[in-house]
Amino acid sequence: MTAAGGIPESNALAGTGVVVARPGVAADRFTLLLEQLGATVLPFPALRIEPLFGLSVPIGRYDWVIFISANAVRHGIPHLTRDGDFPARRVAAVGAATAAALDRAGRPADLLPERDFSSEGLLHCQPLRQVAGQRVLIVRGRGGRETLARTLRGRGAAVDYFACYERRFVTPDPAPLARWLTTGAPCLVTLTSSQVAEAVWRAMPAARHGWLQRAPLACLSEATAHRARSLGAQGEIEIATDHSDHALVEAVRTLAGRMSRVIEGA
């Protein structure tokens, strides 16, 4: 199998540095996909996921339990089971990675958007259009967007939150990125959420802020791209077609291809 232009799949990103700022296990899966295409992955985990302990939720009263992320599954399921069972009537996942985490936890999702892996995509699903009088629990990290809850309440549902983890800003080791940049080889940055974008801008050493402002960005969503622009991003941005790892990898490939053509034409 070959990429566009006849480049073998295994070498599609050869010679390209890709900054991965996503925290936790999700970064491992994304890194593997990039490395399979020959990319040099430059870890820059500017956020850390920390579970919140001492919590429990009586979920038997809920008609729907909605998981916002794989982290919500990983850190939420232990507080939502009863005698090893998960008594919620119906379970929804925002995206494919979240659904996969539910599969691994032994409770497959009853509802998943077909294409748009986002809160908006989930809200377009027919079962969540008619929720008047129903009780909904949203499992997520502390903070985050209010779109899902606000819309479901507007449709007549009673909505509660269960925050089972929190994100903390951390300062990653800048050395791998610094070494790569001295080579002059192409380098781009991947951003998977507005929080990750903010964390990268906070954590990037002052000497690299100029580079970060000009760096090409592969973003998982329009909202993430907008946040990056508001933080000072001035370089080219490619947005993934949906909220999956594979779509973000395709955005990286598209961006890297354009970078290569610019370098060749210089």
C-alpha atoms as a PDB file:
ATOM      1  CA  MET A   1       0.000   0.000   0.000  1.00  0.00           C
ATOM      2  CA  THR A   2       1.310   3.459  -0.863  1.00  0.00           C
ATOM      3  CA  ALA A   3       0.566   6.999   0.175  1.00  0.00           C
ATOM      4  CA  ALA A   4      -0.184   9.850  -2.216  1.00  0.00           C
ATOM      5  CA  GLY A   5       2.628  10.319  -4.702  1.00  0.00           C
ATOM      6  CA  GLY A   6       3.684   6.661  -4.492  1.00  0.00           C
ATOM      7  CA  ILE A   7       5.461   7.031  -1.144  1.00  0.00           C
ATOM      8  CA  PRO A   8       5.335   3.723   0.787  1.00  0.00           C
ATOM      9  CA  GLU A   9       3.000   3.883   3.779  1.00  0.00           C
ATOM     10  CA  SER A  10       5.818   2.907   6.129  1.00  0.00           C
ATOM     11  CA  ASN A  11       7.854   5.934   5.005  1.00  0.00           C
ATOM     12  CA  ALA A  12       5.102   8.511   4.536  1.00  0.00           C
ATOM     13  CA  LEU A  13       6.370  10.595   7.489  1.00  0.00           C
ATOM     14  CA  ALA A  14      10.053   9.698   7.331  1.00  0.00           C
ATOM     15  CA  GLY A  15      12.238  12.666   8.170  1.00  0.00           C
ATOM     16  CA  THR A  16       9.394  14.551   9.860  1.00  0.00           C
ATOM     17  CA  GLY A  17       9.386  15.418  13.550  1.00  0.00           C
ATOM     18  CA  VAL A  18       5.962  15.364  15.182  1.00  0.00           C
ATOM     19  CA  VAL A  19       5.428  16.948  18.585  1.00  0.00           C
ATOM     20  CA  VAL A  20       2.904  14.924  20.615  1.00  0.00           C
ATOM     21  CA  ALA A  21       1.542  16.780  23.617  1.00  0.00           C
ATOM     22  CA  ARG A  22      -1.330  14.424  24.416  1.00  0.00           C
ATOM     23  CA  PRO A  23      -1.054  12.951  27.928  1.00  0.00           C
ATOM     24  CA  GLY A  24      -1.410   9.399  29.182  1.00  0.00           C
ATOM     25  CA  VAL A  25      -2.178   6.140  27.425  1.00  0.00           C
ATOM     26  CA  ALA A  26      -3.810   7.920  24.480  1.00  0.00           C
ATOM     27  CA  ALA A  27      -0.391   9.325  23.564  1.00  0.00           C
ATOM     28  CA  ASP A  28       1.030   5.799  23.343  1.00  0.00           C
ATOM     29  CA  ARG A  29      -1.548   4.681  20.777  1.00  0.00           C
ATOM     30  CA  PHE A  30      -1.178   7.861  18.723  1.00  0.00           C
ATOM     31  CA  THR A  31       2.614   7.637  18.866  1.00  0.00           C
ATOM     32  CA  LEU A  32       2.519   4.075  17.525  1.00  0.00           C
ATOM     33  CA  LEU A  33       0.432   5.151  14.520  1.00  0.00           C
ATOM     34  CA  LEU A  34       2.884   7.942  13.719  1.00  0.00           C
ATOM     35  CA  GLU A  35       5.944   5.737  14.118  1.00  0.00           C
ATOM     36  CA  GLN A  36       4.431   3.132  11.799  1.00  0.00           C
ATOM     37  CA  LEU A  37       4.569   5.835   9.115  1.00  0.00           C
ATOM     38  CA  GLY A  38       8.211   6.638   9.871  1.00  0.00           C
ATOM     39  CA  ALA A  39       7.729   9.825  11.896  1.00  0.00           C
ATOM     40  CA  THR A  40      10.130  10.827  14.641  1.00  0.00           C
ATOM     41  CA  VAL A  41       7.836  11.464  17.611  1.00  0.00           C
ATOM     42  CA  LEU A  42       8.903  14.220  19.977  1.00  0.00           C
ATOM     43  CA  PRO A  43       7.046  13.799  23.299  1.00  0.00           C
ATOM     44  CA  PHE A  44       5.961  17.028  24.956  1.00  0.00           C
ATOM     45  CA  PRO A  45       3.279  15.994  27.484  1.00  0.00           C
ATOM     46  CA  ALA A  46       2.316  19.353  28.969  1.00  0.00           C
ATOM     47  CA  LEU A  47      -0.715  17.945  30.797  1.00  0.00           C
ATOM     48  CA  ARG A  48      -0.963  15.167  33.353  1.00  0.00           C
ATOM     49  CA  ILE A  49      -4.153  13.223  34.052  1.00  0.00           C
ATOM     50  CA  GLU A  50      -4.766  12.585  37.752  1.00  0.00           C
ATOM     51  CA  PRO A  51      -7.681  10.520  39.075  1.00  0.00           C
ATOM     52  CA  LEU A  52      -9.990  11.890  41.758  1.00  0.00           C
ATOM     53  CA  PHE A  53     -10.408   9.428  44.600  1.00  0.00           C
ATOM     54  CA  GLY A  54     -12.986   8.797  47.299  1.00  0.00           C
ATOM     55  CA  LEU A  55     -15.957   9.107  44.985  1.00  0.00           C
ATOM     56  CA  SER A  56     -18.965   6.911  44.264  1.00  0.00           C
ATOM     57  CA  VAL A  57     -22.135   7.473  42.270  1.00  0.00           C
ATOM     58  CA  PRO A  58     -25.470   5.583  42.512  1.00  0.00           C
ATOM     59  CA  ILE A  59     -25.954   5.273  38.764  1.00  0.00           C
ATOM     60  CA  GLY A  60     -28.930   2.925  38.870  1.00  0.00           C
ATOM     61  CA  ARG A  61     -31.248   5.930  38.735  1.00  0.00           C
ATOM     62  CA  TYR A  62     -29.874   7.213  35.424  1.00  0.00           C
ATOM     63  CA  ASP A  63     -31.381   6.506  32.027  1.00  0.00           C
ATOM     64  CA  TRP A  64     -28.134   7.448  30.267  1.00  0.00           C
ATOM     65  CA  VAL A  65     -24.488   7.511  31.319  1.00  0.00           C
ATOM     66  CA  ILE A  66     -22.354   9.444  28.812  1.00  0.00           C
ATOM     67  CA  PHE A  67     -18.572   9.094  28.785  1.00  0.00           C
ATOM     68  CA  ILE A  68     -16.688  12.067  27.362  1.00  0.00           C
ATOM     69  CA  SER A  69     -13.285  10.409  26.898  1.00  0.00           C
ATOM     70  CA  ALA A  70     -11.271   7.246  27.342  1.00  0.00           C
ATOM     71  CA  ASN A  71      -9.891   8.812  30.536  1.00  0.00           C
ATOM     72  CA  ALA A  72     -13.466   9.158  31.787  1.00  0.00           C
ATOM     73  CA  VAL A  73     -13.945   5.430  31.263  1.00  0.00           C
ATOM     74  CA  ARG A  74     -10.608   4.498  32.796  1.00  0.00           C
ATOM     75  CA  HIS A  75     -11.051   6.595  35.930  1.00  0.00           C
ATOM     76  CA  GLY A  76     -14.838   6.576  36.168  1.00  0.00           C
ATOM     77  CA  ILE A  77     -15.825   2.921  35.795  1.00  0.00           C
ATOM     78  CA  PRO A  78     -14.368   1.845  39.185  1.00  0.00           C
ATOM     79  CA  HIS A  79     -16.677   4.351  40.911  1.00  0.00           C
ATOM     80  CA  LEU A  80     -19.757   3.453  38.890  1.00  0.00           C
ATOM     81  CA  THR A  81     -19.916  -0.320  39.265  1.00  0.00           C
ATOM     82  CA  ARG A  82     -21.892  -2.180  41.903  1.00  0.00           C
ATOM     83  CA  ASP A  83     -20.666  -5.651  42.864  1.00  0.00           C
ATOM     84  CA  GLY A  84     -18.747  -5.743  39.608  1.00  0.00           C
ATOM     85  CA  ASP A  85     -21.841  -4.847  37.582  1.00  0.00           C
ATOM     86  CA  PHE A  86     -22.656  -1.682  35.660  1.00  0.00           C
ATOM     87  CA  PRO A  87     -26.399  -1.066  36.148  1.00  0.00           C
ATOM     88  CA  ALA A  88     -26.935   1.935  33.835  1.00  0.00           C
ATOM     89  CA  ARG A  89     -29.731   1.403  31.328  1.00  0.00           C
ATOM     90  CA  ARG A  90     -27.897   2.902  28.367  1.00  0.00           C
ATOM     91  CA  VAL A  91     -24.321   4.024  27.874  1.00  0.00           C
ATOM     92  CA  ALA A  92     -23.055   6.501  25.280  1.00  0.00           C
ATOM     93  CA  ALA A  93     -19.518   7.316  24.114  1.00  0.00           C
ATOM     94  CA  VAL A  94     -18.480  10.571  22.490  1.00  0.00           C
ATOM     95  CA  GLY A  95     -15.903   8.947  20.217  1.00  0.00           C
ATOM     96  CA  ALA A  96     -14.301   5.780  18.940  1.00  0.00           C
ATOM     97  CA  ALA A  97     -11.460   5.789  21.484  1.00  0.00           C
ATOM     98  CA  THR A  98     -13.993   6.163  24.299  1.00  0.00           C
ATOM     99  CA  ALA A  99     -16.074   3.313  22.875  1.00  0.00           C
ATOM    100  CA  ALA A 100     -12.971   1.119  22.650  1.00  0.00           C
ATOM    101  CA  ALA A 101     -12.202   1.856  26.309  1.00  0.00           C
ATOM    102  CA  LEU A 102     -15.756   0.818  27.221  1.00  0.00           C
ATOM    103  CA  ASP A 103     -15.304  -2.412  25.278  1.00  0.00           C
ATOM    104  CA  ARG A 104     -12.141  -3.153  27.259  1.00  0.00           C
ATOM    105  CA  ALA A 105     -14.020  -2.394  30.491  1.00  0.00           C
ATOM    106  CA  GLY A 106     -16.653  -4.974  29.557  1.00  0.00           C
ATOM    107  CA  ARG A 107     -19.537  -2.543  28.965  1.00  0.00           C
ATOM    108  CA  PRO A 108     -19.873  -1.751  25.232  1.00  0.00           C
ATOM    109  CA  ALA A 109     -21.492   1.546  24.317  1.00  0.00           C
ATOM    110  CA  ASP A 110     -25.149   1.522  23.289  1.00  0.00           C
ATOM    111  CA  LEU A 111     -24.706   4.776  21.380  1.00  0.00           C
ATOM    112  CA  LEU A 112     -21.810   6.236  19.386  1.00  0.00           C
ATOM    113  CA  PRO A 113     -21.825   8.952  16.705  1.00  0.00           C
ATOM    114  CA  GLU A 114     -21.349   7.522  13.234  1.00  0.00           C
ATOM    115  CA  ARG A 115     -18.822  10.099  12.022  1.00  0.00           C
ATOM    116  CA  ASP A 116     -18.584  13.279  14.093  1.00  0.00           C
ATOM    117  CA  PHE A 117     -16.847  12.083  17.255  1.00  0.00           C
ATOM    118  CA  SER A 118     -17.730  15.063  19.438  1.00  0.00           C
ATOM    119  CA  SER A 119     -20.401  16.315  21.814  1.00  0.00           C
ATOM    120  CA  GLU A 120     -22.159  17.861  18.834  1.00  0.00           C
ATOM    121  CA  GLY A 121     -22.052  14.567  16.964  1.00  0.00           C
ATOM    122  CA  LEU A 122     -23.544  12.735  19.924  1.00  0.00           C
ATOM    123  CA  LEU A 123     -26.304  15.323  20.254  1.00  0.00           C
ATOM    124  CA  HIS A 124     -27.319  14.644  16.649  1.00  0.00           C
ATOM    125  CA  CYS A 125     -27.981  10.981  17.447  1.00  0.00           C
ATOM    126  CA  GLN A 126     -31.705  10.278  17.465  1.00  0.00           C
ATOM    127  CA  PRO A 127     -31.904   8.621  20.934  1.00  0.00           C
ATOM    128  CA  LEU A 128     -30.606  11.799  22.597  1.00  0.00           C
ATOM    129  CA  ARG A 129     -33.014  14.046  20.733  1.00  0.00           C
ATOM    130  CA  GLN A 130     -35.938  12.826  22.846  1.00  0.00           C
ATOM    131  CA  VAL A 131     -34.791  12.822  26.469  1.00  0.00           C
ATOM    132  CA  ALA A 132     -37.527  14.842  28.182  1.00  0.00           C
ATOM    133  CA  GLY A 133     -38.035  13.519  31.687  1.00  0.00           C
ATOM    134  CA  GLN A 134     -34.919  11.340  31.577  1.00  0.00           C
ATOM    135  CA  ARG A 135     -31.911  11.471  33.900  1.00  0.00           C
ATOM    136  CA  VAL A 136     -28.442  11.728  32.367  1.00  0.00           C
ATOM    137  CA  LEU A 137     -25.029  11.390  33.991  1.00  0.00           C
ATOM    138  CA  ILE A 138     -22.032  12.858  32.152  1.00  0.00           C
ATOM    139  CA  VAL A 139     -18.716  11.299  33.179  1.00  0.00           C
ATOM    140  CA  ARG A 140     -15.779  13.600  32.443  1.00  0.00           C
ATOM    141  CA  GLY A 141     -12.755  15.396  33.825  1.00  0.00           C
ATOM    142  CA  ARG A 142     -13.071  18.390  36.093  1.00  0.00           C
ATOM    143  CA  GLY A 143     -14.067  21.409  34.032  1.00  0.00           C
ATOM    144  CA  GLY A 144     -14.608  21.217  30.297  1.00  0.00           C
ATOM    145  CA  ARG A 145     -17.246  22.265  27.804  1.00  0.00           C
ATOM    146  CA  GLU A 146     -20.891  22.727  28.770  1.00  0.00           C
ATOM    147  CA  THR A 147     -22.450  22.164  25.334  1.00  0.00           C
ATOM    148  CA  LEU A 148     -23.654  18.624  25.972  1.00  0.00           C
ATOM    149  CA  ALA A 149     -25.301  19.266  29.328  1.00  0.00           C
ATOM    150  CA  ARG A 150     -26.791  22.591  28.274  1.00  0.00           C
ATOM    151  CA  THR A 151     -28.385  21.102  25.164  1.00  0.00           C
ATOM    152  CA  LEU A 152     -29.740  18.023  26.947  1.00  0.00           C
ATOM    153  CA  ARG A 153     -31.252  20.211  29.673  1.00  0.00           C
ATOM    154  CA  GLY A 154     -32.824  22.304  26.941  1.00  0.00           C
ATOM    155  CA  ARG A 155     -34.417  19.086  25.652  1.00  0.00           C
ATOM    156  CA  GLY A 156     -35.954  18.410  29.065  1.00  0.00           C
ATOM    157  CA  ALA A 157     -33.419  16.036  30.640  1.00  0.00           C
ATOM    158  CA  ALA A 158     -32.115  16.248  34.192  1.00  0.00           C
ATOM    159  CA  VAL A 159     -28.324  16.241  33.845  1.00  0.00           C
ATOM    160  CA  ASP A 160     -25.638  15.604  36.473  1.00  0.00           C
ATOM    161  CA  TYR A 161     -21.856  15.614  36.164  1.00  0.00           C
ATOM    162  CA  PHE A 162     -19.422  13.092  37.597  1.00  0.00           C
ATOM    163  CA  ALA A 163     -15.851  14.425  37.495  1.00  0.00           C
ATOM    164  CA  CYS A 164     -13.490  11.485  38.011  1.00  0.00           C
ATOM    165  CA  TYR A 165     -10.158  13.018  36.983  1.00  0.00           C
ATOM    166  CA  GLU A 166      -8.466  16.346  36.534  1.00  0.00           C
ATOM    167  CA  ARG A 167      -5.839  17.771  34.230  1.00  0.00           C
ATOM    168  CA  ARG A 168      -2.738  19.429  35.648  1.00  0.00           C
ATOM    169  CA  PHE A 169      -0.271  21.581  33.772  1.00  0.00           C
ATOM    170  CA  VAL A 170       3.271  20.195  33.894  1.00  0.00           C
ATOM    171  CA  THR A 171       6.605  21.175  32.348  1.00  0.00           C
ATOM    172  CA  PRO A 172       7.913  18.413  30.063  1.00  0.00           C
ATOM    173  CA  ASP A 173      11.537  17.876  29.116  1.00  0.00           C
ATOM    174  CA  PRO A 174      12.244  20.226  26.161  1.00  0.00           C
ATOM    175  CA  ALA A 175      15.487  18.466  25.154  1.00  0.00           C
ATOM    176  CA  PRO A 176      14.104  16.053  22.481  1.00  0.00           C
ATOM    177  CA  LEU A 177      12.405  18.912  20.644  1.00  0.00           C
ATOM    178  CA  ALA A 178      15.445  21.173  20.978  1.00  0.00           C
ATOM    179  CA  ARG A 179      17.734  18.508  19.542  1.00  0.00           C
ATOM    180  CA  TRP A 180      15.419  17.894  16.597  1.00  0.00           C
ATOM    181  CA  LEU A 181      15.104  21.584  15.781  1.00  0.00           C
ATOM    182  CA  THR A 182      18.888  21.928  15.514  1.00  0.00           C
ATOM    183  CA  THR A 183      18.817  19.494  12.570  1.00  0.00           C
ATOM    184  CA  GLY A 184      16.699  21.819  10.442  1.00  0.00           C
ATOM    185  CA  ALA A 185      14.378  18.918   9.512  1.00  0.00           C
ATOM    186  CA  PRO A 186      10.608  19.493   9.184  1.00  0.00           C
ATOM    187  CA  CYS A 187       8.692  19.613  12.445  1.00  0.00           C
ATOM    188  CA  LEU A 188       5.018  20.066  13.227  1.00  0.00           C
ATOM    189  CA  VAL A 189       2.874  20.067  16.372  1.00  0.00           C
ATOM    190  CA  THR A 190      -0.247  18.021  17.103  1.00  0.00           C
ATOM    191  CA  LEU A 191      -2.922  19.473  19.378  1.00  0.00           C
ATOM    192  CA  THR A 192      -5.806  17.307  20.552  1.00  0.00           C
ATOM    193  CA  SER A 193      -7.813  19.790  22.643  1.00  0.00           C
ATOM    194  CA  SER A 194      -7.998  23.419  23.667  1.00  0.00           C
ATOM    195  CA  GLN A 195      -6.581  22.450  27.068  1.00  0.00           C
ATOM    196  CA  VAL A 196      -3.611  20.742  25.417  1.00  0.00           C
ATOM    197  CA  ALA A 197      -3.012  23.833  23.262  1.00  0.00           C
ATOM    198  CA  GLU A 198      -2.981  26.065  26.330  1.00  0.00           C
ATOM    199  CA  ALA A 199      -0.666  23.656  28.150  1.00  0.00           C
ATOM    200  CA  VAL A 200       1.815  23.614  25.249  1.00  0.00           C
ATOM    201  CA  TRP A 201       1.959  27.399  25.121  1.00  0.00           C
ATOM    202  CA  ARG A 202       2.483  27.548  28.883  1.00  0.00           C
ATOM    203  CA  ALA A 203       5.188  24.886  28.924  1.00  0.00           C
ATOM    204  CA  MET A 204       7.186  25.847  25.835  1.00  0.00           C
ATOM    205  CA  PRO A 205      10.517  27.478  26.804  1.00  0.00           C
ATOM    206  CA  ALA A 206      10.600  31.207  26.088  1.00  0.00           C
ATOM    207  CA  ALA A 207      13.399  30.698  23.568  1.00  0.00           C
ATOM    208  CA  ARG A 208      11.056  28.505  21.481  1.00  0.00           C
ATOM    209  CA  HIS A 209       7.939  30.687  21.553  1.00  0.00           C
ATOM    210  CA  GLY A 210       8.806  32.272  18.216  1.00  0.00           C
ATOM    211  CA  TRP A 211       9.172  28.844  16.655  1.00  0.00           C
ATOM    212  CA  LEU A 212       5.880  27.658  18.183  1.00  0.00           C
ATOM    213  CA  GLN A 213       4.030  30.660  16.784  1.00  0.00           C
ATOM    214  CA  ARG A 214       5.233  29.796  13.267  1.00  0.00           C
ATOM    215  CA  ALA A 215       5.032  25.989  13.557  1.00  0.00           C
ATOM    216  CA  PRO A 216       2.553  24.041  11.404  1.00  0.00           C
ATOM    217  CA  LEU A 217      -0.231  22.589  13.565  1.00  0.00           C
ATOM    218  CA  ALA A 218      -2.380  19.491  13.129  1.00  0.00           C
ATOM    219  CA  CYS A 219      -5.487  20.001  15.267  1.00  0.00           C
ATOM    220  CA  LEU A 220      -8.213  17.574  16.234  1.00  0.00           C
ATOM    221  CA  SER A 221     -11.030  20.132  15.934  1.00  0.00           C
ATOM    222  CA  GLU A 222     -11.994  23.627  14.844  1.00  0.00           C
ATOM    223  CA  ALA A 223     -12.258  24.633  18.508  1.00  0.00           C
ATOM    224  CA  THR A 224      -8.672  23.517  19.146  1.00  0.00           C
ATOM    225  CA  ALA A 225      -7.436  25.436  16.100  1.00  0.00           C
ATOM    226  CA  HIS A 226      -9.305  28.538  17.247  1.00  0.00           C
ATOM    227  CA  ARG A 227      -7.714  28.302  20.686  1.00  0.00           C
ATOM    228  CA  ALA A 228      -4.263  27.931  19.138  1.00  0.00           C
ATOM    229  CA  ARG A 229      -4.827  31.064  17.039  1.00  0.00           C
ATOM    230  CA  SER A 230      -5.911  32.973  20.127  1.00  0.00           C
ATOM    231  CA  LEU A 231      -2.676  31.907  21.842  1.00  0.00           C
ATOM    232  CA  GLY A 232      -0.601  33.328  18.997  1.00  0.00           C
ATOM    233  CA  ALA A 233      -0.319  30.564  16.378  1.00  0.00           C
ATOM    234  CA  GLN A 234       0.456  32.063  12.968  1.00  0.00           C
ATOM    235  CA  GLY A 235       1.525  28.999  10.990  1.00  0.00           C
ATOM    236  CA  GLU A 236      -0.478  26.697   8.764  1.00  0.00           C
ATOM    237  CA  ILE A 237      -3.151  24.613  10.457  1.00  0.00           C
ATOM    238  CA  GLU A 238      -4.673  21.354   9.238  1.00  0.00           C
ATOM    239  CA  ILE A 239      -7.832  20.149  11.009  1.00  0.00           C
ATOM    240  CA  ALA A 240      -8.730  16.470  11.280  1.00  0.00           C
ATOM    241  CA  THR A 241     -11.903  15.380   9.511  1.00  0.00           C
ATOM    242  CA  ASP A 242     -13.189  13.795  12.725  1.00  0.00           C
ATOM    243  CA  HIS A 243     -12.093  13.297  16.333  1.00  0.00           C
ATOM    244  CA  SER A 244     -10.276   9.980  15.854  1.00  0.00           C
ATOM    245  CA  ASP A 245      -6.560   9.197  16.058  1.00  0.00           C
ATOM    246  CA  HIS A 246      -6.570   8.004  12.457  1.00  0.00           C
ATOM    247  CA  ALA A 247      -8.093  11.267  11.243  1.00  0.00           C
ATOM    248  CA  LEU A 248      -5.457  13.251  13.126  1.00  0.00           C
ATOM    249  CA  VAL A 249      -2.710  11.103  11.587  1.00  0.00           C
ATOM    250  CA  GLU A 250      -4.165  11.874   8.156  1.00  0.00           C
ATOM    251  CA  ALA A 251      -4.079  15.584   9.031  1.00  0.00           C
ATOM    252  CA  VAL A 252      -0.412  15.167   9.976  1.00  0.00           C
ATOM    253  CA  ARG A 253       0.298  13.448   6.655  1.00  0.00           C
ATOM    254  CA  THR A 254      -1.460  16.178   4.675  1.00  0.00           C
ATOM    255  CA  LEU A 255       0.425  18.896   6.524  1.00  0.00           C
ATOM    256  CA  ALA A 256       3.759  17.090   6.204  1.00  0.00           C
ATOM    257  CA  GLY A 257       3.182  16.647   2.477  1.00  0.00           C
ATOM    258  CA  ARG A 258       2.679  20.384   2.014  1.00  0.00           C
ATOM    259  CA  MET A 259       5.762  21.120   4.130  1.00  0.00           C
ATOM    260  CA  SER A 260       7.847  18.793   1.936  1.00  0.00           C
ATOM    261  CA  ARG A 261       6.674  20.492  -1.255  1.00  0.00           C
ATOM    262  CA  VAL A 262       7.576  23.905   0.170  1.00  0.00           C
ATOM    263  CA  ILE A 263      11.050  22.687   1.134  1.00  0.00           C
ATOM    264  CA  GLU A 264      11.578  21.082  -2.287  1.00  0.00           C
ATOM    265  CA  GLY A 265      10.515  24.283  -4.023  1.00  0.00           C
ATOM    266  CA  ALA A 266      12.664  26.565  -1.897  1.00  0.00           C
END
